[in-house]
Amino acid sequence: MATSSKQYKAIGEDLWKGRPEKINAELFALTYGALVVQLIQDYEDYEEVNKQLEKMGYNIGTRLIEDFLAKSGLGRCSDFREVGEVVAKVGFKSFLNIAPIITHSAPPPPTSPSRPASAGSLSQASAGTFFTLTFDENPLAEFVELPEEALEGGLWFSNVLCGVIRGALEMVQMQVQAEFISDILRGDDSTEMRVKLVKYLEEEVPVGDD
């Protein structure tokens, strides 16, 4: 029997309440902010900072997923829509105590000749499927106001979250693209992240681990 959205929300709540190693929210935000500042000083290039934050998040995600699966007891999702529900209502809730609003979208019809064809291993029904997460609150961005230079340079302050999702889902055989498409810190009306399914991965040894 499929798990309902309300049940996922309850699982996320229970996991957060049962997590003994909670960190003070203010300390968490300030520590992350200091990390971003250090990266800016080290690289002096906002695009590179975005890449480094995403890379750090990827490494975190590949490790968090094991803990998440063990504690949640959730099995394999039936489709990418269910993946989105679990990410939003269980994943974010259990680790950050937030539950972004999720909007599901199907892939557009392949009308553009410039759009590359999907790989043969990719399910045509799933290719290009994505969901959008809208964050009413973002613990990483508390007390943050970006300087004009960072805005003009294209900094995505919370880009580590995109990496976490990419890393975690790759460990369960899904290659995704995760990116912020708007951010209140950049003057947008909302903070939104889009997560797009690229393809399902085969069960194989990662490159470099032979």
C-alpha atoms as a PDB file:
ATOM      1  CA  MET A   1       0.000   0.000   0.000  1.00  0.00           C
ATOM      2  CA  ALA A   2       1.388   3.398  -1.012  1.00  0.00           C
ATOM      3  CA  THR A   3       2.419   5.782   1.707  1.00  0.00           C
ATOM      4  CA  SER A   4       0.359   8.992   1.767  1.00  0.00           C
ATOM      5  CA  SER A   5       1.718  12.529   1.909  1.00  0.00           C
ATOM      6  CA  LYS A   6       0.389  12.867   5.456  1.00  0.00           C
ATOM      7  CA  GLN A   7       2.161   9.647   6.502  1.00  0.00           C
ATOM      8  CA  TYR A   8       5.454  10.884   5.079  1.00  0.00           C
ATOM      9  CA  LYS A   9       5.054  14.096   7.060  1.00  0.00           C
ATOM     10  CA  ALA A  10       4.496  12.076  10.244  1.00  0.00           C
ATOM     11  CA  ILE A  11       7.600   9.950   9.551  1.00  0.00           C
ATOM     12  CA  GLY A  12       9.675  13.109   9.132  1.00  0.00           C
ATOM     13  CA  GLU A  13       8.322  14.544  12.390  1.00  0.00           C
ATOM     14  CA  ASP A  14       9.117  11.351  14.298  1.00  0.00           C
ATOM     15  CA  LEU A  15      12.657  11.178  12.895  1.00  0.00           C
ATOM     16  CA  TRP A  16      13.354  14.780  13.898  1.00  0.00           C
ATOM     17  CA  LYS A  17      11.974  14.308  17.398  1.00  0.00           C
ATOM     18  CA  GLY A  18      14.001  11.135  17.847  1.00  0.00           C
ATOM     19  CA  ARG A  19      17.271  12.681  16.655  1.00  0.00           C
ATOM     20  CA  PRO A  20      19.500  13.134  19.737  1.00  0.00           C
ATOM     21  CA  GLU A  21      22.269  15.144  18.078  1.00  0.00           C
ATOM     22  CA  LYS A  22      20.340  18.337  17.275  1.00  0.00           C
ATOM     23  CA  ILE A  23      22.502  21.410  16.736  1.00  0.00           C
ATOM     24  CA  ASN A  24      21.557  24.924  17.806  1.00  0.00           C
ATOM     25  CA  ALA A  25      19.935  26.606  14.780  1.00  0.00           C
ATOM     26  CA  GLU A  26      21.721  29.912  15.265  1.00  0.00           C
ATOM     27  CA  LEU A  27      25.122  28.227  15.608  1.00  0.00           C
ATOM     28  CA  PHE A  28      24.375  26.129  12.529  1.00  0.00           C
ATOM     29  CA  ALA A  29      23.535  29.201  10.439  1.00  0.00           C
ATOM     30  CA  LEU A  30      26.564  31.168  11.613  1.00  0.00           C
ATOM     31  CA  THR A  31      28.927  28.232  11.030  1.00  0.00           C
ATOM     32  CA  TYR A  32      27.638  27.733   7.493  1.00  0.00           C
ATOM     33  CA  GLY A  33      27.882  31.461   6.830  1.00  0.00           C
ATOM     34  CA  ALA A  34      31.516  31.439   7.953  1.00  0.00           C
ATOM     35  CA  LEU A  35      32.193  28.551   5.562  1.00  0.00           C
ATOM     36  CA  VAL A  36      30.739  30.481   2.611  1.00  0.00           C
ATOM     37  CA  VAL A  37      32.776  33.579   3.512  1.00  0.00           C
ATOM     38  CA  GLN A  38      35.950  31.486   3.658  1.00  0.00           C
ATOM     39  CA  LEU A  39      35.241  29.987   0.223  1.00  0.00           C
ATOM     40  CA  ILE A  40      34.690  33.461  -1.219  1.00  0.00           C
ATOM     41  CA  GLN A  41      38.029  34.564   0.199  1.00  0.00           C
ATOM     42  CA  ASP A  42      39.785  31.454  -1.096  1.00  0.00           C
ATOM     43  CA  TYR A  43      38.411  31.430  -4.647  1.00  0.00           C
ATOM     44  CA  GLU A  44      37.446  35.092  -5.295  1.00  0.00           C
ATOM     45  CA  ASP A  45      34.994  33.788  -7.898  1.00  0.00           C
ATOM     46  CA  TYR A  46      31.309  33.295  -7.094  1.00  0.00           C
ATOM     47  CA  GLU A  47      30.697  30.682  -9.771  1.00  0.00           C
ATOM     48  CA  GLU A  48      33.538  28.620  -8.345  1.00  0.00           C
ATOM     49  CA  VAL A  49      32.109  29.076  -4.839  1.00  0.00           C
ATOM     50  CA  ASN A  50      28.780  27.732  -6.119  1.00  0.00           C
ATOM     51  CA  LYS A  51      30.601  24.679  -7.513  1.00  0.00           C
ATOM     52  CA  GLN A  52      32.511  24.087  -4.292  1.00  0.00           C
ATOM     53  CA  LEU A  53      29.350  24.337  -2.159  1.00  0.00           C
ATOM     54  CA  GLU A  54      27.579  21.874  -4.442  1.00  0.00           C
ATOM     55  CA  LYS A  55      30.568  19.527  -4.310  1.00  0.00           C
ATOM     56  CA  MET A  56      30.637  19.668  -0.500  1.00  0.00           C
ATOM     57  CA  GLY A  57      26.924  18.963  -0.415  1.00  0.00           C
ATOM     58  CA  TYR A  58      27.351  16.004  -2.762  1.00  0.00           C
ATOM     59  CA  ASN A  59      29.890  14.437  -0.405  1.00  0.00           C
ATOM     60  CA  ILE A  60      27.565  15.022   2.548  1.00  0.00           C
ATOM     61  CA  GLY A  61      24.599  13.543   0.684  1.00  0.00           C
ATOM     62  CA  THR A  62      26.418  10.336  -0.213  1.00  0.00           C
ATOM     63  CA  ARG A  63      26.963   9.755   3.515  1.00  0.00           C
ATOM     64  CA  LEU A  64      23.640  10.979   4.893  1.00  0.00           C
ATOM     65  CA  ILE A  65      21.575   8.638   2.738  1.00  0.00           C
ATOM     66  CA  GLU A  66      22.739   5.531   4.611  1.00  0.00           C
ATOM     67  CA  ASP A  67      21.710   7.018   7.955  1.00  0.00           C
ATOM     68  CA  PHE A  68      18.433   8.210   6.466  1.00  0.00           C
ATOM     69  CA  LEU A  69      17.470   4.826   5.016  1.00  0.00           C
ATOM     70  CA  ALA A  70      18.410   2.988   8.206  1.00  0.00           C
ATOM     71  CA  LYS A  71      16.386   5.260  10.484  1.00  0.00           C
ATOM     72  CA  SER A  72      13.382   5.869   8.249  1.00  0.00           C
ATOM     73  CA  GLY A  73      12.869   2.251   7.238  1.00  0.00           C
ATOM     74  CA  LEU A  74      11.575   3.413   3.855  1.00  0.00           C
ATOM     75  CA  GLY A  75      11.919   1.138   0.861  1.00  0.00           C
ATOM     76  CA  ARG A  76      12.432   1.934  -2.816  1.00  0.00           C
ATOM     77  CA  CYS A  77      10.142   4.646  -4.187  1.00  0.00           C
ATOM     78  CA  SER A  78       7.758   3.610  -6.959  1.00  0.00           C
ATOM     79  CA  ASP A  79       8.418   6.676  -9.128  1.00  0.00           C
ATOM     80  CA  PHE A  80      10.122  10.081  -9.155  1.00  0.00           C
ATOM     81  CA  ARG A  81       7.007  11.767  -7.806  1.00  0.00           C
ATOM     82  CA  GLU A  82       7.264   9.664  -4.658  1.00  0.00           C
ATOM     83  CA  VAL A  83      10.986  10.491  -4.457  1.00  0.00           C
ATOM     84  CA  GLY A  84      10.033  14.161  -4.270  1.00  0.00           C
ATOM     85  CA  GLU A  85       7.542  13.532  -1.487  1.00  0.00           C
ATOM     86  CA  VAL A  86      10.153  11.667   0.560  1.00  0.00           C
ATOM     87  CA  VAL A  87      12.829  14.339  -0.021  1.00  0.00           C
ATOM     88  CA  ALA A  88      10.523  17.197   0.975  1.00  0.00           C
ATOM     89  CA  LYS A  89       8.506  15.699   3.810  1.00  0.00           C
ATOM     90  CA  VAL A  90      10.911  13.175   5.338  1.00  0.00           C
ATOM     91  CA  GLY A  91      14.443  14.130   4.294  1.00  0.00           C
ATOM     92  CA  PHE A  92      14.400  17.858   4.960  1.00  0.00           C
ATOM     93  CA  LYS A  93      12.214  17.437   8.029  1.00  0.00           C
ATOM     94  CA  SER A  94      14.394  14.776   9.647  1.00  0.00           C
ATOM     95  CA  PHE A  95      17.674  16.675   9.192  1.00  0.00           C
ATOM     96  CA  LEU A  96      16.755  20.391   9.174  1.00  0.00           C
ATOM     97  CA  ASN A  97      13.252  20.414  10.707  1.00  0.00           C
ATOM     98  CA  ILE A  98      11.767  22.143   7.673  1.00  0.00           C
ATOM     99  CA  ALA A  99       9.273  20.878   5.107  1.00  0.00           C
ATOM    100  CA  PRO A 100       9.479  22.736   1.786  1.00  0.00           C
ATOM    101  CA  ILE A 101       6.348  22.875  -0.347  1.00  0.00           C
ATOM    102  CA  ILE A 102       6.643  20.507  -3.287  1.00  0.00           C
ATOM    103  CA  THR A 103       5.232  20.975  -6.788  1.00  0.00           C
ATOM    104  CA  HIS A 104       5.451  18.115  -9.296  1.00  0.00           C
ATOM    105  CA  SER A 105       5.928  18.665 -13.030  1.00  0.00           C
ATOM    106  CA  ALA A 106       5.987  16.323 -15.989  1.00  0.00           C
ATOM    107  CA  PRO A 107       8.571  16.695 -18.765  1.00  0.00           C
ATOM    108  CA  PRO A 108       7.594  18.920 -21.699  1.00  0.00           C
ATOM    109  CA  PRO A 109       6.838  17.207 -25.028  1.00  0.00           C
ATOM    110  CA  PRO A 110       9.970  16.786 -27.198  1.00  0.00           C
ATOM    111  CA  THR A 111       9.141  19.494 -29.756  1.00  0.00           C
ATOM    112  CA  SER A 112      12.481  21.286 -29.848  1.00  0.00           C
ATOM    113  CA  PRO A 113      15.033  19.820 -32.288  1.00  0.00           C
ATOM    114  CA  SER A 114      17.812  21.284 -30.154  1.00  0.00           C
ATOM    115  CA  ARG A 115      16.758  19.240 -27.142  1.00  0.00           C
ATOM    116  CA  PRO A 116      19.082  16.206 -26.849  1.00  0.00           C
ATOM    117  CA  ALA A 117      17.514  12.768 -27.046  1.00  0.00           C
ATOM    118  CA  SER A 118      17.290  10.767 -23.865  1.00  0.00           C
ATOM    119  CA  ALA A 119      19.728   7.945 -23.257  1.00  0.00           C
ATOM    120  CA  GLY A 120      18.496   4.478 -24.108  1.00  0.00           C
ATOM    121  CA  SER A 121      18.537   3.359 -20.479  1.00  0.00           C
ATOM    122  CA  LEU A 122      16.249   6.236 -19.464  1.00  0.00           C
ATOM    123  CA  SER A 123      12.557   5.537 -19.108  1.00  0.00           C
ATOM    124  CA  GLN A 124      10.745   7.775 -21.598  1.00  0.00           C
ATOM    125  CA  ALA A 125       7.937   8.226 -19.092  1.00  0.00           C
ATOM    126  CA  SER A 126      10.361   9.592 -16.483  1.00  0.00           C
ATOM    127  CA  ALA A 127      12.929  11.487 -18.546  1.00  0.00           C
ATOM    128  CA  GLY A 128      12.888  15.166 -17.677  1.00  0.00           C
ATOM    129  CA  THR A 129      10.447  14.734 -14.804  1.00  0.00           C
ATOM    130  CA  PHE A 130      11.147  17.244 -12.078  1.00  0.00           C
ATOM    131  CA  PHE A 131       9.806  18.662  -8.867  1.00  0.00           C
ATOM    132  CA  THR A 132      10.184  22.110  -7.364  1.00  0.00           C
ATOM    133  CA  LEU A 133      10.781  22.730  -3.671  1.00  0.00           C
ATOM    134  CA  THR A 134       9.662  26.077  -2.263  1.00  0.00           C
ATOM    135  CA  PHE A 135      11.299  26.990   1.023  1.00  0.00           C
ATOM    136  CA  ASP A 136       9.201  29.073   3.412  1.00  0.00           C
ATOM    137  CA  GLU A 137      12.155  28.917   5.772  1.00  0.00           C
ATOM    138  CA  ASN A 138      15.820  28.178   5.237  1.00  0.00           C
ATOM    139  CA  PRO A 139      17.966  27.625   8.335  1.00  0.00           C
ATOM    140  CA  LEU A 140      21.143  28.158   6.312  1.00  0.00           C
ATOM    141  CA  ALA A 141      20.132  31.694   5.385  1.00  0.00           C
ATOM    142  CA  GLU A 142      19.181  33.031   8.817  1.00  0.00           C
ATOM    143  CA  PHE A 143      20.847  36.395   9.612  1.00  0.00           C
ATOM    144  CA  VAL A 144      22.172  36.627   6.031  1.00  0.00           C
ATOM    145  CA  GLU A 145      22.142  39.639   3.732  1.00  0.00           C
ATOM    146  CA  LEU A 146      24.169  39.303   0.559  1.00  0.00           C
ATOM    147  CA  PRO A 147      26.343  42.225  -0.540  1.00  0.00           C
ATOM    148  CA  GLU A 148      25.773  43.694  -3.995  1.00  0.00           C
ATOM    149  CA  GLU A 149      28.998  42.131  -5.261  1.00  0.00           C
ATOM    150  CA  ALA A 150      27.743  38.629  -4.387  1.00  0.00           C
ATOM    151  CA  LEU A 151      24.412  39.288  -6.076  1.00  0.00           C
ATOM    152  CA  GLU A 152      26.087  40.509  -9.255  1.00  0.00           C
ATOM    153  CA  GLY A 153      28.545  37.610  -9.128  1.00  0.00           C
ATOM    154  CA  GLY A 154      25.711  35.053  -9.100  1.00  0.00           C
ATOM    155  CA  LEU A 155      26.225  33.504  -5.663  1.00  0.00           C
ATOM    156  CA  TRP A 156      23.686  30.834  -4.660  1.00  0.00           C
ATOM    157  CA  PHE A 157      24.237  30.971  -0.916  1.00  0.00           C
ATOM    158  CA  SER A 158      22.539  27.662  -0.047  1.00  0.00           C
ATOM    159  CA  ASN A 159      23.930  25.687  -2.990  1.00  0.00           C
ATOM    160  CA  VAL A 160      25.201  22.990  -0.629  1.00  0.00           C
ATOM    161  CA  LEU A 161      21.598  21.712  -0.430  1.00  0.00           C
ATOM    162  CA  CYS A 162      21.587  20.997  -4.173  1.00  0.00           C
ATOM    163  CA  GLY A 163      24.683  18.877  -3.737  1.00  0.00           C
ATOM    164  CA  VAL A 164      23.200  16.976  -0.805  1.00  0.00           C
ATOM    165  CA  ILE A 165      20.195  15.962  -2.891  1.00  0.00           C
ATOM    166  CA  ARG A 166      22.314  15.002  -5.902  1.00  0.00           C
ATOM    167  CA  GLY A 167      24.674  12.914  -3.773  1.00  0.00           C
ATOM    168  CA  ALA A 168      21.951  11.182  -1.789  1.00  0.00           C
ATOM    169  CA  LEU A 169      19.868  10.253  -4.828  1.00  0.00           C
ATOM    170  CA  GLU A 170      22.898   9.039  -6.766  1.00  0.00           C
ATOM    171  CA  MET A 171      23.480   6.497  -3.994  1.00  0.00           C
ATOM    172  CA  VAL A 172      20.018   5.078  -4.684  1.00  0.00           C
ATOM    173  CA  GLN A 173      20.603   4.871  -8.457  1.00  0.00           C
ATOM    174  CA  MET A 174      19.167   8.191  -9.624  1.00  0.00           C
ATOM    175  CA  GLN A 175      21.152  10.805 -11.489  1.00  0.00           C
ATOM    176  CA  VAL A 176      19.541  14.195 -10.971  1.00  0.00           C
ATOM    177  CA  GLN A 177      20.223  17.850 -11.598  1.00  0.00           C
ATOM    178  CA  ALA A 178      19.414  20.065  -8.617  1.00  0.00           C
ATOM    179  CA  GLU A 179      19.622  23.834  -8.808  1.00  0.00           C
ATOM    180  CA  PHE A 180      18.168  26.897  -7.182  1.00  0.00           C
ATOM    181  CA  ILE A 181      16.031  28.927  -9.561  1.00  0.00           C
ATOM    182  CA  SER A 182      15.198  31.736  -7.136  1.00  0.00           C
ATOM    183  CA  ASP A 183      16.320  32.962  -3.729  1.00  0.00           C
ATOM    184  CA  ILE A 184      14.882  35.551  -1.367  1.00  0.00           C
ATOM    185  CA  LEU A 185      18.472  36.529  -0.547  1.00  0.00           C
ATOM    186  CA  ARG A 186      18.829  37.619  -4.192  1.00  0.00           C
ATOM    187  CA  GLY A 187      15.687  39.715  -4.088  1.00  0.00           C
ATOM    188  CA  ASP A 188      13.298  37.093  -5.472  1.00  0.00           C
ATOM    189  CA  ASP A 189       9.801  36.604  -4.078  1.00  0.00           C
ATOM    190  CA  SER A 190      10.569  33.045  -2.957  1.00  0.00           C
ATOM    191  CA  THR A 191      13.377  30.522  -2.556  1.00  0.00           C
ATOM    192  CA  GLU A 192      12.895  27.609  -4.947  1.00  0.00           C
ATOM    193  CA  MET A 193      14.973  24.611  -5.964  1.00  0.00           C
ATOM    194  CA  ARG A 194      14.297  22.454  -9.010  1.00  0.00           C
ATOM    195  CA  VAL A 195      15.286  18.778  -8.971  1.00  0.00           C
ATOM    196  CA  LYS A 196      15.215  17.093 -12.375  1.00  0.00           C
ATOM    197  CA  LEU A 197      15.619  13.392 -13.079  1.00  0.00           C
ATOM    198  CA  VAL A 198      18.354  12.805 -15.656  1.00  0.00           C
ATOM    199  CA  LYS A 199      18.311   9.006 -15.664  1.00  0.00           C
ATOM    200  CA  TYR A 200      18.120   5.916 -13.516  1.00  0.00           C
ATOM    201  CA  LEU A 201      21.549   4.403 -12.946  1.00  0.00           C
ATOM    202  CA  GLU A 202      22.454   0.761 -13.252  1.00  0.00           C
ATOM    203  CA  GLU A 203      23.684  -1.096 -10.177  1.00  0.00           C
ATOM    204  CA  GLU A 204      27.410  -0.796 -10.797  1.00  0.00           C
ATOM    205  CA  VAL A 205      30.748  -0.073  -9.164  1.00  0.00           C
ATOM    206  CA  PRO A 206      31.414   3.714  -9.203  1.00  0.00           C
ATOM    207  CA  VAL A 207      34.134   4.916 -11.587  1.00  0.00           C
ATOM    208  CA  GLY A 208      37.502   4.853  -9.896  1.00  0.00           C
ATOM    209  CA  ASP A 209      36.544   2.130  -7.406  1.00  0.00           C
ATOM    210  CA  ASP A 210      37.657  -0.833  -9.509  1.00  0.00           C
END
